[in-house]
């Protein structure tokens, strides 16, 4: 049994999708980010960085793993699935996983902050992060033109990138002129394990909507951004 500590974010959904794809038994522990449950001492003992997701593998002497990319690697290596066994194939998967961890995630995350959450619209910052997200999407689109998936067969690299790309509208970034990226996005969305994973837990809002619920969600996120841990003196 694996305990998953998570919330309805792209990084959280990476792990629930992988657990569903791998058919591993797991228990979900939903943390309220707005209540800063991820900063409580009991959770910091699992993840010193105070971020979701994290897992505890009860079948491996309660081994804790944090950072979503590290968790995906751990689960793939534990099961021998969603990752090639040969050196080159494994490297290709890790390269595209790092592409998401170092590029897609951070750039889309900053686009969310400046486009959705900050009360003051700082246009150069919005342009910077939306533009870089678009550039990275074009990289994906160009690669997917000649590849069904990112690194050979469907893998943790696809899961990691897809969990973020699917939320592109929330970041204010269109992919209407990226047909190969759209094909890949839609193909992965049809997988039963993906459907279960993105509803574990379900998002509080429709990220494609612009209604009062979405605006309230953005306001709550803005308050978390503005009262960041550095100001609060915590981790």
C-alpha atoms as a PDB file:
ATOM      1  CA  UNK A   1       0.000   0.000   0.000  1.00  0.00           C
ATOM      2  CA  UNK A   2       1.187   3.494  -0.888  1.00  0.00           C
ATOM      3  CA  UNK A   3       0.000   6.600   0.941  1.00  0.00           C
ATOM      4  CA  UNK A   4      -0.334   9.553  -1.440  1.00  0.00           C
ATOM      5  CA  UNK A   5      -0.328  13.053   0.033  1.00  0.00           C
ATOM      6  CA  UNK A   6      -1.690  15.344  -2.629  1.00  0.00           C
ATOM      7  CA  UNK A   7      -3.965  18.115  -3.861  1.00  0.00           C
ATOM      8  CA  UNK A   8      -5.730  18.863  -7.152  1.00  0.00           C
ATOM      9  CA  UNK A   9      -2.763  20.363  -8.996  1.00  0.00           C
ATOM     10  CA  UNK A  10      -0.864  19.231 -12.098  1.00  0.00           C
ATOM     11  CA  UNK A  11       1.984  17.932  -9.950  1.00  0.00           C
ATOM     12  CA  UNK A  12      -0.430  16.054  -7.729  1.00  0.00           C
ATOM     13  CA  UNK A  13      -2.276  14.548 -10.670  1.00  0.00           C
ATOM     14  CA  UNK A  14       0.974  13.246 -12.155  1.00  0.00           C
ATOM     15  CA  UNK A  15       1.216  10.780  -9.298  1.00  0.00           C
ATOM     16  CA  UNK A  16      -2.409   9.696  -9.113  1.00  0.00           C
ATOM     17  CA  UNK A  17      -2.339   9.054 -12.878  1.00  0.00           C
ATOM     18  CA  UNK A  18       0.829   6.973 -12.545  1.00  0.00           C
ATOM     19  CA  UNK A  19      -0.571   4.981  -9.632  1.00  0.00           C
ATOM     20  CA  UNK A  20      -3.712   4.239 -11.645  1.00  0.00           C
ATOM     21  CA  UNK A  21      -1.709   3.268 -14.725  1.00  0.00           C
ATOM     22  CA  UNK A  22       0.450   0.943 -12.628  1.00  0.00           C
ATOM     23  CA  UNK A  23      -2.582  -0.500 -10.783  1.00  0.00           C
ATOM     24  CA  UNK A  24      -0.832  -0.010  -7.448  1.00  0.00           C
ATOM     25  CA  UNK A  25      -2.994   0.082  -4.323  1.00  0.00           C
ATOM     26  CA  UNK A  26      -2.904   3.488  -2.679  1.00  0.00           C
ATOM     27  CA  UNK A  27      -4.661   5.687  -0.143  1.00  0.00           C
ATOM     28  CA  UNK A  28      -5.272   9.366  -0.807  1.00  0.00           C
ATOM     29  CA  UNK A  29      -4.607  11.983   1.843  1.00  0.00           C
ATOM     30  CA  UNK A  30      -5.899  15.319   0.575  1.00  0.00           C
ATOM     31  CA  UNK A  31      -4.055  18.342   1.961  1.00  0.00           C
ATOM     32  CA  UNK A  32      -5.593  21.797   2.074  1.00  0.00           C
ATOM     33  CA  UNK A  33      -2.983  24.126   0.636  1.00  0.00           C
ATOM     34  CA  UNK A  34      -4.947  27.222   1.624  1.00  0.00           C
ATOM     35  CA  UNK A  35      -4.893  26.036   5.251  1.00  0.00           C
ATOM     36  CA  UNK A  36      -1.145  25.367   4.907  1.00  0.00           C
ATOM     37  CA  UNK A  37      -1.483  21.751   5.976  1.00  0.00           C
ATOM     38  CA  UNK A  38       1.581  21.033   3.840  1.00  0.00           C
ATOM     39  CA  UNK A  39       3.607  23.105   6.329  1.00  0.00           C
ATOM     40  CA  UNK A  40       2.588  21.153   9.410  1.00  0.00           C
ATOM     41  CA  UNK A  41       5.309  19.285  11.266  1.00  0.00           C
ATOM     42  CA  UNK A  42       3.930  15.832  10.545  1.00  0.00           C
ATOM     43  CA  UNK A  43       4.068  16.463   6.799  1.00  0.00           C
ATOM     44  CA  UNK A  44       7.482  18.140   6.898  1.00  0.00           C
ATOM     45  CA  UNK A  45       8.752  14.863   8.335  1.00  0.00           C
ATOM     46  CA  UNK A  46       7.688  13.281   5.010  1.00  0.00           C
ATOM     47  CA  UNK A  47       8.695  16.155   2.735  1.00  0.00           C
ATOM     48  CA  UNK A  48      11.069  18.703   4.277  1.00  0.00           C
ATOM     49  CA  UNK A  49      10.210  21.113   1.442  1.00  0.00           C
ATOM     50  CA  UNK A  50       6.576  21.309   2.496  1.00  0.00           C
ATOM     51  CA  UNK A  51       5.097  20.725  -0.964  1.00  0.00           C
ATOM     52  CA  UNK A  52       2.751  18.203  -2.495  1.00  0.00           C
ATOM     53  CA  UNK A  53       2.865  15.530  -3.757  1.00  0.00           C
ATOM     54  CA  UNK A  54       4.678  13.041  -1.587  1.00  0.00           C
ATOM     55  CA  UNK A  55       4.271   9.324  -1.045  1.00  0.00           C
ATOM     56  CA  UNK A  56       5.078   6.831   1.668  1.00  0.00           C
ATOM     57  CA  UNK A  57       5.598   3.273   0.460  1.00  0.00           C
ATOM     58  CA  UNK A  58       4.342   1.124   3.326  1.00  0.00           C
ATOM     59  CA  UNK A  59       5.646  -2.038   1.632  1.00  0.00           C
ATOM     60  CA  UNK A  60       9.201  -0.642   1.696  1.00  0.00           C
ATOM     61  CA  UNK A  61       9.626   0.110   5.398  1.00  0.00           C
ATOM     62  CA  UNK A  62       7.589   3.328   5.148  1.00  0.00           C
ATOM     63  CA  UNK A  63       9.974   4.809   2.596  1.00  0.00           C
ATOM     64  CA  UNK A  64       9.049   8.427   1.825  1.00  0.00           C
ATOM     65  CA  UNK A  65       9.577  10.053  -1.573  1.00  0.00           C
ATOM     66  CA  UNK A  66       8.983  13.716  -2.415  1.00  0.00           C
ATOM     67  CA  UNK A  67       9.259  15.774  -5.651  1.00  0.00           C
ATOM     68  CA  UNK A  68       6.871  14.626  -8.357  1.00  0.00           C
ATOM     69  CA  UNK A  69       9.592  13.670 -10.860  1.00  0.00           C
ATOM     70  CA  UNK A  70      11.418  11.616  -8.245  1.00  0.00           C
ATOM     71  CA  UNK A  71       8.174   9.881  -7.308  1.00  0.00           C
ATOM     72  CA  UNK A  72       7.468   8.983 -10.941  1.00  0.00           C
ATOM     73  CA  UNK A  73      10.971   7.524 -11.295  1.00  0.00           C
ATOM     74  CA  UNK A  74      10.594   5.578  -8.067  1.00  0.00           C
ATOM     75  CA  UNK A  75       7.256   4.076  -9.100  1.00  0.00           C
ATOM     76  CA  UNK A  76       8.498   3.181 -12.585  1.00  0.00           C
ATOM     77  CA  UNK A  77      11.617   1.514 -11.212  1.00  0.00           C
ATOM     78  CA  UNK A  78       9.671  -0.232  -8.459  1.00  0.00           C
ATOM     79  CA  UNK A  79       7.277  -1.835 -10.933  1.00  0.00           C
ATOM     80  CA  UNK A  80       9.401  -2.097 -14.060  1.00  0.00           C
ATOM     81  CA  UNK A  81       6.673  -0.284 -16.004  1.00  0.00           C
ATOM     82  CA  UNK A  82       6.291   3.051 -17.828  1.00  0.00           C
ATOM     83  CA  UNK A  83      10.059   3.134 -18.319  1.00  0.00           C
ATOM     84  CA  UNK A  84      12.270   1.236 -20.803  1.00  0.00           C
ATOM     85  CA  UNK A  85      14.885  -1.115 -19.395  1.00  0.00           C
ATOM     86  CA  UNK A  86      17.665  -0.310 -21.865  1.00  0.00           C
ATOM     87  CA  UNK A  87      20.068   2.531 -21.111  1.00  0.00           C
ATOM     88  CA  UNK A  88      19.203   4.687 -24.122  1.00  0.00           C
ATOM     89  CA  UNK A  89      15.454   4.217 -23.774  1.00  0.00           C
ATOM     90  CA  UNK A  90      15.612   5.057 -20.086  1.00  0.00           C
ATOM     91  CA  UNK A  91      17.661   8.151 -20.862  1.00  0.00           C
ATOM     92  CA  UNK A  92      15.100   9.361 -23.422  1.00  0.00           C
ATOM     93  CA  UNK A  93      12.325   9.121 -20.863  1.00  0.00           C
ATOM     94  CA  UNK A  94      14.372  10.935 -18.231  1.00  0.00           C
ATOM     95  CA  UNK A  95      15.280  13.686 -20.707  1.00  0.00           C
ATOM     96  CA  UNK A  96      11.623  14.456 -21.427  1.00  0.00           C
ATOM     97  CA  UNK A  97      10.769  14.138 -17.743  1.00  0.00           C
ATOM     98  CA  UNK A  98      13.435  16.743 -16.946  1.00  0.00           C
ATOM     99  CA  UNK A  99      12.070  18.897 -19.784  1.00  0.00           C
ATOM    100  CA  UNK A 100       8.823  19.089 -17.852  1.00  0.00           C
ATOM    101  CA  UNK A 101      10.405  19.496 -14.436  1.00  0.00           C
ATOM    102  CA  UNK A 102      12.782  22.249 -15.505  1.00  0.00           C
ATOM    103  CA  UNK A 103      10.732  23.925 -18.225  1.00  0.00           C
ATOM    104  CA  UNK A 104       7.033  23.256 -18.719  1.00  0.00           C
ATOM    105  CA  UNK A 105       6.143  23.210 -15.014  1.00  0.00           C
ATOM    106  CA  UNK A 106       8.084  26.272 -13.862  1.00  0.00           C
ATOM    107  CA  UNK A 107       7.163  28.413 -16.888  1.00  0.00           C
ATOM    108  CA  UNK A 108       3.456  27.547 -16.754  1.00  0.00           C
ATOM    109  CA  UNK A 109       3.498  27.991 -12.996  1.00  0.00           C
ATOM    110  CA  UNK A 110       4.883  31.514 -13.327  1.00  0.00           C
ATOM    111  CA  UNK A 111       2.413  32.265 -16.126  1.00  0.00           C
ATOM    112  CA  UNK A 112      -0.351  31.267 -13.708  1.00  0.00           C
ATOM    113  CA  UNK A 113       1.024  33.585 -11.040  1.00  0.00           C
ATOM    114  CA  UNK A 114       1.276  36.677 -13.225  1.00  0.00           C
ATOM    115  CA  UNK A 115      -1.697  36.014 -15.534  1.00  0.00           C
ATOM    116  CA  UNK A 116      -4.188  34.677 -12.977  1.00  0.00           C
ATOM    117  CA  UNK A 117      -3.149  35.433  -9.436  1.00  0.00           C
ATOM    118  CA  UNK A 118      -1.406  38.785  -9.111  1.00  0.00           C
ATOM    119  CA  UNK A 119      -3.902  41.642  -8.679  1.00  0.00           C
ATOM    120  CA  UNK A 120      -1.602  43.933 -10.677  1.00  0.00           C
ATOM    121  CA  UNK A 121      -1.158  42.889 -14.298  1.00  0.00           C
ATOM    122  CA  UNK A 122       2.570  43.172 -14.982  1.00  0.00           C
ATOM    123  CA  UNK A 123       2.450  42.717 -18.735  1.00  0.00           C
ATOM    124  CA  UNK A 124       6.171  42.145 -19.373  1.00  0.00           C
ATOM    125  CA  UNK A 125       6.127  39.289 -16.849  1.00  0.00           C
ATOM    126  CA  UNK A 126       2.948  37.832 -18.365  1.00  0.00           C
ATOM    127  CA  UNK A 127       4.450  38.041 -21.848  1.00  0.00           C
ATOM    128  CA  UNK A 128       7.691  36.470 -20.671  1.00  0.00           C
ATOM    129  CA  UNK A 129       6.170  33.378 -19.081  1.00  0.00           C
ATOM    130  CA  UNK A 130       3.369  32.854 -21.570  1.00  0.00           C
ATOM    131  CA  UNK A 131       5.882  33.272 -24.394  1.00  0.00           C
ATOM    132  CA  UNK A 132       8.293  30.749 -22.910  1.00  0.00           C
ATOM    133  CA  UNK A 133       5.437  28.306 -22.297  1.00  0.00           C
ATOM    134  CA  UNK A 134       4.466  28.673 -25.950  1.00  0.00           C
ATOM    135  CA  UNK A 135       8.044  28.049 -27.042  1.00  0.00           C
ATOM    136  CA  UNK A 136       8.175  24.859 -25.008  1.00  0.00           C
ATOM    137  CA  UNK A 137       4.839  23.770 -26.456  1.00  0.00           C
ATOM    138  CA  UNK A 138       6.289  24.237 -29.930  1.00  0.00           C
ATOM    139  CA  UNK A 139       9.192  21.991 -28.952  1.00  0.00           C
ATOM    140  CA  UNK A 140       6.705  19.307 -27.905  1.00  0.00           C
ATOM    141  CA  UNK A 141       4.649  19.780 -31.064  1.00  0.00           C
ATOM    142  CA  UNK A 142       7.701  19.471 -33.297  1.00  0.00           C
ATOM    143  CA  UNK A 143       8.827  16.282 -31.580  1.00  0.00           C
ATOM    144  CA  UNK A 144       5.350  14.739 -31.586  1.00  0.00           C
ATOM    145  CA  UNK A 145       5.053  15.308 -35.325  1.00  0.00           C
ATOM    146  CA  UNK A 146       7.146  12.161 -35.830  1.00  0.00           C
ATOM    147  CA  UNK A 147       6.509  10.354 -32.538  1.00  0.00           C
ATOM    148  CA  UNK A 148       3.309   8.961 -31.055  1.00  0.00           C
ATOM    149  CA  UNK A 149       4.617   9.549 -27.534  1.00  0.00           C
ATOM    150  CA  UNK A 150       7.542  11.508 -26.179  1.00  0.00           C
ATOM    151  CA  UNK A 151      10.047   8.688 -25.645  1.00  0.00           C
ATOM    152  CA  UNK A 152       9.048   5.525 -27.457  1.00  0.00           C
ATOM    153  CA  UNK A 153       6.110   3.878 -25.730  1.00  0.00           C
ATOM    154  CA  UNK A 154       3.797   5.729 -23.347  1.00  0.00           C
ATOM    155  CA  UNK A 155       5.813   6.507 -20.216  1.00  0.00           C
ATOM    156  CA  UNK A 156       6.169   8.647 -17.131  1.00  0.00           C
ATOM    157  CA  UNK A 157       7.513  11.387 -19.436  1.00  0.00           C
ATOM    158  CA  UNK A 158       4.119  11.610 -21.125  1.00  0.00           C
ATOM    159  CA  UNK A 159       2.301  11.616 -17.789  1.00  0.00           C
ATOM    160  CA  UNK A 160       4.447  14.421 -16.386  1.00  0.00           C
ATOM    161  CA  UNK A 161       4.165  16.707 -19.398  1.00  0.00           C
ATOM    162  CA  UNK A 162       0.504  15.947 -20.070  1.00  0.00           C
ATOM    163  CA  UNK A 163      -0.611  16.820 -16.531  1.00  0.00           C
ATOM    164  CA  UNK A 164       0.631  20.367 -17.131  1.00  0.00           C
ATOM    165  CA  UNK A 165      -0.150  20.819 -20.826  1.00  0.00           C
ATOM    166  CA  UNK A 166      -3.812  19.954 -20.259  1.00  0.00           C
ATOM    167  CA  UNK A 167      -4.135  23.124 -18.137  1.00  0.00           C
ATOM    168  CA  UNK A 168      -2.754  25.451 -20.831  1.00  0.00           C
ATOM    169  CA  UNK A 169      -5.855  27.655 -20.929  1.00  0.00           C
ATOM    170  CA  UNK A 170      -5.490  28.463 -17.221  1.00  0.00           C
ATOM    171  CA  UNK A 171      -2.039  29.819 -18.067  1.00  0.00           C
ATOM    172  CA  UNK A 172      -3.525  31.865 -20.923  1.00  0.00           C
ATOM    173  CA  UNK A 173      -1.646  29.929 -23.608  1.00  0.00           C
ATOM    174  CA  UNK A 174      -3.338  28.624 -26.767  1.00  0.00           C
ATOM    175  CA  UNK A 175      -2.353  25.470 -28.611  1.00  0.00           C
ATOM    176  CA  UNK A 176      -4.860  25.809 -31.465  1.00  0.00           C
ATOM    177  CA  UNK A 177      -2.070  25.908 -34.069  1.00  0.00           C
ATOM    178  CA  UNK A 178      -0.150  22.959 -32.594  1.00  0.00           C
ATOM    179  CA  UNK A 179      -1.938  19.932 -34.109  1.00  0.00           C
ATOM    180  CA  UNK A 180       0.525  17.277 -32.978  1.00  0.00           C
ATOM    181  CA  UNK A 181       0.410  18.482 -29.398  1.00  0.00           C
ATOM    182  CA  UNK A 182      -3.391  18.485 -29.543  1.00  0.00           C
ATOM    183  CA  UNK A 183      -3.434  14.933 -30.933  1.00  0.00           C
ATOM    184  CA  UNK A 184      -1.164  13.716 -28.124  1.00  0.00           C
ATOM    185  CA  UNK A 185      -3.169  15.592 -25.486  1.00  0.00           C
ATOM    186  CA  UNK A 186      -6.449  14.098 -26.663  1.00  0.00           C
ATOM    187  CA  UNK A 187      -5.032  10.604 -27.083  1.00  0.00           C
ATOM    188  CA  UNK A 188      -3.760  10.479 -23.513  1.00  0.00           C
ATOM    189  CA  UNK A 189      -6.973  12.011 -22.154  1.00  0.00           C
ATOM    190  CA  UNK A 190      -8.889   8.960 -23.417  1.00  0.00           C
ATOM    191  CA  UNK A 191      -6.983   6.514 -21.214  1.00  0.00           C
ATOM    192  CA  UNK A 192      -9.176   5.149 -18.364  1.00  0.00           C
ATOM    193  CA  UNK A 193      -6.352   5.434 -15.825  1.00  0.00           C
ATOM    194  CA  UNK A 194      -5.842   9.081 -16.765  1.00  0.00           C
ATOM    195  CA  UNK A 195      -9.541   9.795 -16.251  1.00  0.00           C
ATOM    196  CA  UNK A 196      -9.351   8.275 -12.776  1.00  0.00           C
ATOM    197  CA  UNK A 197      -6.078  10.005 -11.990  1.00  0.00           C
ATOM    198  CA  UNK A 198      -7.227  13.549 -12.777  1.00  0.00           C
ATOM    199  CA  UNK A 199     -10.207  13.011 -10.509  1.00  0.00           C
ATOM    200  CA  UNK A 200      -8.047  11.897  -7.587  1.00  0.00           C
ATOM    201  CA  UNK A 201      -8.747  14.393  -6.230  1.00  0.00           C
ATOM    202  CA  UNK A 202     -11.018  16.286  -8.632  1.00  0.00           C
ATOM    203  CA  UNK A 203     -10.173  19.905  -9.363  1.00  0.00           C
ATOM    204  CA  UNK A 204     -12.206  22.453  -7.458  1.00  0.00           C
ATOM    205  CA  UNK A 205     -12.817  24.411 -10.663  1.00  0.00           C
ATOM    206  CA  UNK A 206     -13.125  24.045 -14.398  1.00  0.00           C
ATOM    207  CA  UNK A 207      -9.770  25.452 -15.550  1.00  0.00           C
ATOM    208  CA  UNK A 208     -11.296  26.275 -18.935  1.00  0.00           C
ATOM    209  CA  UNK A 209     -14.008  28.435 -17.380  1.00  0.00           C
ATOM    210  CA  UNK A 210     -14.001  32.104 -16.452  1.00  0.00           C
ATOM    211  CA  UNK A 211     -16.810  32.175 -13.913  1.00  0.00           C
ATOM    212  CA  UNK A 212     -17.200  33.282 -10.311  1.00  0.00           C
ATOM    213  CA  UNK A 213     -15.903  29.978  -8.971  1.00  0.00           C
ATOM    214  CA  UNK A 214     -12.755  30.301 -11.063  1.00  0.00           C
ATOM    215  CA  UNK A 215     -12.273  33.896  -9.951  1.00  0.00           C
ATOM    216  CA  UNK A 216     -12.623  32.900  -6.291  1.00  0.00           C
ATOM    217  CA  UNK A 217     -10.093  30.133  -6.791  1.00  0.00           C
ATOM    218  CA  UNK A 218      -7.675  32.626  -8.314  1.00  0.00           C
ATOM    219  CA  UNK A 219      -8.244  35.016  -5.414  1.00  0.00           C
ATOM    220  CA  UNK A 220      -7.455  32.294  -2.869  1.00  0.00           C
ATOM    221  CA  UNK A 221      -4.318  31.414  -4.817  1.00  0.00           C
ATOM    222  CA  UNK A 222      -3.338  35.088  -4.978  1.00  0.00           C
ATOM    223  CA  UNK A 223      -3.474  35.330  -1.200  1.00  0.00           C
ATOM    224  CA  UNK A 224      -1.217  32.293  -0.882  1.00  0.00           C
ATOM    225  CA  UNK A 225       1.235  33.825  -3.359  1.00  0.00           C
ATOM    226  CA  UNK A 226       1.243  37.245  -1.657  1.00  0.00           C
ATOM    227  CA  UNK A 227       1.658  35.795   1.830  1.00  0.00           C
ATOM    228  CA  UNK A 228       4.413  33.442   0.733  1.00  0.00           C
ATOM    229  CA  UNK A 229       6.491  31.448   3.157  1.00  0.00           C
ATOM    230  CA  UNK A 230       9.412  33.889   3.053  1.00  0.00           C
ATOM    231  CA  UNK A 231       7.202  36.655   4.466  1.00  0.00           C
ATOM    232  CA  UNK A 232       5.688  34.334   7.027  1.00  0.00           C
ATOM    233  CA  UNK A 233       9.110  33.242   8.180  1.00  0.00           C
ATOM    234  CA  UNK A 234       8.337  29.565   7.589  1.00  0.00           C
ATOM    235  CA  UNK A 235       9.637  26.926   5.234  1.00  0.00           C
END
